Amino acid sequence: MKKAAAYLMSMLLVVLPVLSSSASAASQEKDEDRLRNGGTVLKEILDVPDDIPQDLLDKADCVVVFPSVLKAAFIVGGSYGRGAMSCRTGEDFRGSWGAPTMMALEGGSFGFQIGGEATDFVLLVMNERGASGILASKVKLGADASVAAGPVGRTASAETDATLRADILSYSRARGAFAGISLEGSTIRPDNGANKQIYGREIPARQIVSGHVAAPTAAEGMIATLDAKTPKRKS
C-alpha cells in the first residue's frame, strides 16, 4: 500500500506541472486571440467614416475595444466582456500609441439592451481624468467617470456640449448596426491576470501603456490601425 501511494504521488508530481503548463499556454493563446480580434473589430469600425467622428477620435487619449460581448454573460453575472485598451504615450497623451493593457467590462443595465447576439464595444477615453481612473483600478461608469453614448457621423459638431464633456464616449456594433450606447452603471478595470499571461510577468496597467513596454505581436493590428487612423492627438 505504501509503495502504491508513493508511486501515485510521484506520478502526480510529474503530471501536474505538465497540466499546469498546458493550461497556462491555452490561457495565453486565448488572450492573444482576444487582442487580435480587438484589432480586427477596431479596423472594421474605423474604416467606416460615418461610425466614429474623426474629430473625436483625434482628441481621444485612449481607445478601448471589447470584441464579441454577449448579453447572456451579463444576465447570469458569471462572466464579462474582455478586451484591450491602448493609450497615446507621453505625460500629456500626445505621443504614439503604446502597448495595450487587457481590460474587463462588467455588469450594467446595458446587458438587457444588446440582445442575444454578440456585440462589439468601442470606448473613447477623452481626458486624463478618465484614463488615469481606469488605469489605476476598477471604475464605475457614471459615478467614478462620466460616460455618454458617443455621437456618430463624420463630425461631432452638432452634438451637445454635455455629451462632449464626458470622460468616456461609448459605442456598440451588433448585426452590422453601429450606434452610441450608454454604459452607465457598468464597471471597467484592468484585467491583471490576462496582462500577466500576455506579458509574462505582473506589470501595472499604467506602465504597460506608458510606451516603455514592448507591444506583443498579437497587438500589432490594433496599434497599426490607431497609428494609421489617428497618428497624433489634436486639441
Protein backbone atom coordinates (compact mmCIF):
# COMPACT_ATOMS: atom_id res chain seq x y z
CA MET A 1 0.00 0.00 0.00
CA LYS A 2 2.79 2.40 0.89
CA LYS A 3 4.55 1.63 -2.40
CA ALA A 4 1.34 2.29 -4.34
CA ALA A 5 0.82 5.61 -2.58
CA ALA A 6 4.41 6.62 -3.19
CA TYR A 7 4.11 5.69 -6.86
CA LEU A 8 0.89 7.69 -7.19
CA MET A 9 2.49 10.69 -5.53
CA SER A 10 5.49 10.55 -7.85
CA MET A 11 3.19 10.37 -10.89
CA LEU A 12 1.27 13.40 -9.69
CA LEU A 13 4.50 15.35 -9.27
CA VAL A 14 5.29 14.62 -12.90
CA VAL A 15 1.83 15.14 -14.39
CA LEU A 16 0.62 18.23 -12.51
CA PRO A 17 3.34 20.61 -13.80
CA VAL A 18 2.64 19.43 -17.35
CA LEU A 19 -1.09 20.05 -16.95
CA SER A 20 -0.45 23.43 -15.38
CA SER A 21 1.88 24.42 -18.20
CA SER A 22 -0.68 23.33 -20.82
CA ALA A 23 -3.46 25.30 -19.12
CA SER A 24 -1.27 28.41 -18.95
CA ALA A 25 -0.39 28.11 -22.64
CA ALA A 26 -4.07 27.75 -23.56
CA SER A 27 -4.98 30.81 -21.48
CA GLN A 28 -2.23 32.87 -23.10
CA GLU A 29 -3.40 31.83 -26.57
CA LYS A 30 -6.96 32.85 -25.69
CA ASP A 31 -5.81 36.28 -24.53
CA GLU A 32 -3.70 36.73 -27.66
CA ASP A 33 -6.72 35.82 -29.80
CA ARG A 34 -8.69 38.47 -27.94
CA LEU A 35 -6.05 41.05 -28.82
CA ARG A 36 -6.10 40.05 -32.47
CA ASN A 37 -9.90 40.09 -32.58
CA GLY A 38 -9.92 43.51 -30.95
CA GLY A 39 -7.60 44.80 -33.66
CA THR A 40 -9.86 43.37 -36.37
CA VAL A 41 -13.02 44.88 -34.85
CA LEU A 42 -11.37 48.27 -34.43
CA LYS A 43 -10.18 48.35 -38.03
CA GLU A 44 -13.61 47.40 -39.36
CA ILE A 45 -15.28 50.16 -37.34
CA LEU A 46 -12.72 52.89 -38.04
CA ASP A 47 -12.71 52.05 -41.75
CA VAL A 48 -16.30 53.34 -41.91
CA PRO A 49 -16.18 57.17 -41.91
CA ASP A 50 -19.76 57.54 -40.65
CA ASP A 51 -19.22 55.49 -37.50
CA ILE A 52 -16.96 57.36 -35.04
CA PRO A 53 -16.41 61.06 -35.84
CA GLN A 54 -12.80 61.68 -36.81
CA ASP A 55 -12.53 64.84 -34.70
CA LEU A 56 -13.44 62.89 -31.56
CA LEU A 57 -11.05 60.08 -32.40
CA ASP A 58 -8.26 62.62 -32.82
CA LYS A 59 -8.98 64.08 -29.36
CA ALA A 60 -9.11 60.75 -27.52
CA ASP A 61 -6.36 59.90 -25.04
CA CYS A 62 -7.12 56.17 -25.11
CA VAL A 63 -9.25 53.73 -27.09
CA VAL A 64 -10.80 50.59 -25.60
CA VAL A 65 -12.27 47.75 -27.66
CA PHE A 66 -14.32 44.80 -26.37
CA PRO A 67 -14.98 42.29 -29.16
CA SER A 68 -17.96 39.92 -29.06
CA VAL A 69 -19.55 40.75 -25.70
CA LEU A 70 -22.60 38.52 -25.08
CA LYS A 71 -25.84 39.51 -23.32
CA ALA A 72 -26.04 36.16 -21.55
CA ALA A 73 -22.79 36.86 -19.76
CA PHE A 74 -24.35 39.85 -18.03
CA ILE A 75 -27.71 38.23 -17.24
CA VAL A 76 -26.20 35.37 -15.25
CA GLY A 77 -23.46 37.56 -13.81
CA GLY A 78 -20.90 34.82 -14.19
CA SER A 79 -18.86 36.31 -17.00
CA TYR A 80 -17.94 39.63 -18.54
CA GLY A 81 -16.64 41.30 -21.65
CA ARG A 82 -12.91 41.25 -22.17
CA GLY A 83 -10.84 43.44 -24.41
CA ALA A 84 -7.87 45.80 -24.56
CA MET A 85 -7.04 49.49 -24.19
CA SER A 86 -4.25 51.41 -25.88
CA CYS A 87 -3.30 54.98 -24.94
CA ARG A 88 -1.19 57.64 -26.54
CA THR A 89 2.18 57.74 -24.80
CA GLY A 90 3.73 60.72 -23.04
CA GLU A 91 2.65 62.62 -19.96
CA ASP A 92 0.09 64.64 -21.91
CA PHE A 93 -1.08 61.72 -24.11
CA ARG A 94 0.32 63.27 -27.27
CA GLY A 95 2.81 60.59 -28.29
CA SER A 96 2.43 57.47 -30.41
CA TRP A 97 0.12 54.64 -29.40
CA GLY A 98 1.53 52.39 -26.67
CA ALA A 99 1.24 48.70 -25.90
CA PRO A 100 -2.28 47.70 -24.82
CA THR A 101 -3.40 46.69 -21.37
CA MET A 102 -6.03 43.97 -21.22
CA MET A 103 -9.36 45.16 -19.80
CA ALA A 104 -12.56 43.74 -18.30
CA LEU A 105 -16.08 45.17 -18.65
CA GLU A 106 -18.66 44.00 -16.11
CA GLY A 107 -22.32 44.40 -15.21
CA GLY A 108 -24.60 47.29 -16.02
CA SER A 109 -28.14 47.55 -17.33
CA PHE A 110 -26.90 47.67 -20.92
CA GLY A 111 -26.78 43.87 -20.83
CA PHE A 112 -30.53 43.82 -21.40
CA GLN A 113 -30.30 46.14 -24.38
CA ILE A 114 -27.88 44.35 -26.63
CA GLY A 115 -29.91 41.26 -27.48
CA GLY A 116 -28.75 37.68 -27.79
CA GLU A 117 -26.15 38.27 -30.49
CA ALA A 118 -22.53 39.14 -29.91
CA THR A 119 -21.95 42.88 -29.62
CA ASP A 120 -18.71 44.78 -30.10
CA PHE A 121 -17.99 47.81 -27.91
CA VAL A 122 -15.58 50.68 -28.53
CA LEU A 123 -14.90 53.32 -25.89
CA LEU A 124 -13.10 56.62 -26.42
CA VAL A 125 -11.42 57.90 -23.25
CA MET A 126 -11.44 61.64 -23.78
CA ASN A 127 -9.32 63.06 -20.96
CA GLU A 128 -6.65 62.35 -18.38
CA ARG A 129 -9.20 62.01 -15.59
CA GLY A 130 -10.91 59.12 -17.34
CA ALA A 131 -7.66 57.47 -18.40
CA SER A 132 -5.99 57.74 -15.00
CA GLY A 133 -9.02 56.32 -13.21
CA ILE A 134 -9.30 53.30 -15.49
CA LEU A 135 -5.58 52.54 -15.35
CA ALA A 136 -5.49 52.75 -11.55
CA SER A 137 -8.38 50.50 -10.55
CA LYS A 138 -11.98 49.47 -11.17
CA VAL A 139 -14.09 52.42 -12.35
CA LYS A 140 -17.88 52.58 -12.24
CA LEU A 141 -19.09 54.38 -15.32
CA GLY A 142 -21.45 57.22 -14.50
CA ALA A 143 -20.14 57.51 -10.94
CA ASP A 144 -16.33 57.44 -10.93
CA ALA A 145 -16.13 58.58 -14.54
CA SER A 146 -18.80 60.28 -16.65
CA VAL A 147 -19.91 58.33 -19.73
CA ALA A 148 -22.17 59.18 -22.65
CA ALA A 149 -23.39 57.50 -25.79
CA GLY A 150 -20.99 58.64 -28.45
CA PRO A 151 -22.27 60.63 -31.44
CA VAL A 152 -21.91 59.06 -34.89
CA GLY A 153 -21.16 60.61 -38.23
CA ARG A 154 -18.22 62.27 -39.90
CA THR A 155 -18.08 65.11 -37.36
CA ALA A 156 -19.41 65.79 -33.87
CA SER A 157 -20.05 69.49 -34.40
CA ALA A 158 -23.81 69.19 -33.98
CA GLU A 159 -23.66 67.38 -30.65
CA THR A 160 -24.35 68.99 -27.27
CA ASP A 161 -21.56 70.23 -25.05
CA ALA A 162 -22.78 67.95 -22.24
CA THR A 163 -22.14 64.87 -24.35
CA LEU A 164 -18.75 66.03 -25.50
CA ARG A 165 -17.64 66.88 -21.94
CA ALA A 166 -17.98 63.24 -20.86
CA ASP A 167 -14.85 61.42 -19.71
CA ILE A 168 -15.76 58.44 -21.89
CA LEU A 169 -17.81 58.09 -25.08
CA SER A 170 -19.17 54.62 -25.80
CA TYR A 171 -20.29 52.85 -28.97
CA SER A 172 -21.70 49.44 -29.88
CA ARG A 173 -21.99 47.35 -33.03
CA ALA A 174 -24.38 44.43 -33.39
CA ARG A 175 -25.62 42.75 -36.58
CA GLY A 176 -23.84 45.41 -38.60
CA ALA A 177 -25.69 48.30 -36.91
CA PHE A 178 -23.43 50.89 -35.27
CA ALA A 179 -24.58 53.41 -32.66
CA GLY A 180 -23.67 55.21 -29.48
CA ILE A 181 -24.81 53.36 -26.37
CA SER A 182 -24.90 54.25 -22.69
CA LEU A 183 -22.78 52.00 -20.47
CA GLU A 184 -23.70 53.86 -17.28
CA GLY A 185 -23.71 51.55 -14.28
CA SER A 186 -21.17 49.10 -15.67
CA THR A 187 -17.58 48.87 -14.46
CA ILE A 188 -14.29 48.75 -16.31
CA ARG A 189 -10.94 47.67 -14.90
CA PRO A 190 -7.52 46.37 -15.95
CA ASP A 191 -7.50 42.58 -16.41
CA ASN A 192 -4.30 41.92 -14.48
CA GLY A 193 -4.46 38.16 -14.93
CA ALA A 194 -4.63 38.48 -18.70
CA ASN A 195 -1.83 41.06 -18.66
CA LYS A 196 0.38 38.56 -16.84
CA GLN A 197 -0.38 35.95 -19.50
CA ILE A 198 0.34 38.37 -22.35
CA TYR A 199 3.49 39.98 -20.97
CA GLY A 200 4.88 37.06 -19.00
CA ARG A 201 5.03 38.91 -15.70
CA GLU A 202 2.96 41.20 -13.49
CA ILE A 203 3.09 44.77 -14.82
CA PRO A 204 0.81 47.64 -13.71
CA ALA A 205 -1.56 48.78 -16.45
CA ARG A 206 -0.20 52.33 -16.35
CA GLN A 207 3.33 51.05 -17.01
CA ILE A 208 2.15 48.91 -19.92
CA VAL A 209 0.61 51.84 -21.79
CA SER A 210 3.46 54.24 -20.96
CA GLY A 211 5.50 53.38 -24.03
CA HIS A 212 8.25 51.65 -22.07
CA VAL A 213 6.86 48.14 -22.60
CA ALA A 214 7.13 46.38 -25.96
CA ALA A 215 3.80 45.53 -27.55
CA PRO A 216 3.13 41.82 -28.15
CA THR A 217 2.85 40.54 -31.71
CA ALA A 218 -0.88 39.92 -31.22
CA ALA A 219 -1.41 43.68 -30.69
CA GLU A 220 0.22 44.77 -33.95
CA GLY A 221 -3.11 45.04 -35.79
CA MET A 222 -4.70 47.21 -33.12
CA ILE A 223 -1.76 49.59 -32.85
CA ALA A 224 -1.25 49.78 -36.61
CA THR A 225 -4.91 50.76 -37.08
CA LEU A 226 -4.69 53.51 -34.46
CA ASP A 227 -1.41 54.80 -35.89
CA ALA A 228 -2.97 54.94 -39.35
CA LYS A 229 -6.33 56.47 -38.37
CA THR A 230 -5.21 58.99 -35.73
CA PRO A 231 -1.41 59.25 -35.51
CA LYS A 232 -1.39 62.46 -33.45
CA ARG A 233 -3.66 63.81 -30.76
CA LYS A 234 -5.36 67.08 -31.61
CA SER A 235 -6.68 69.59 -29.08
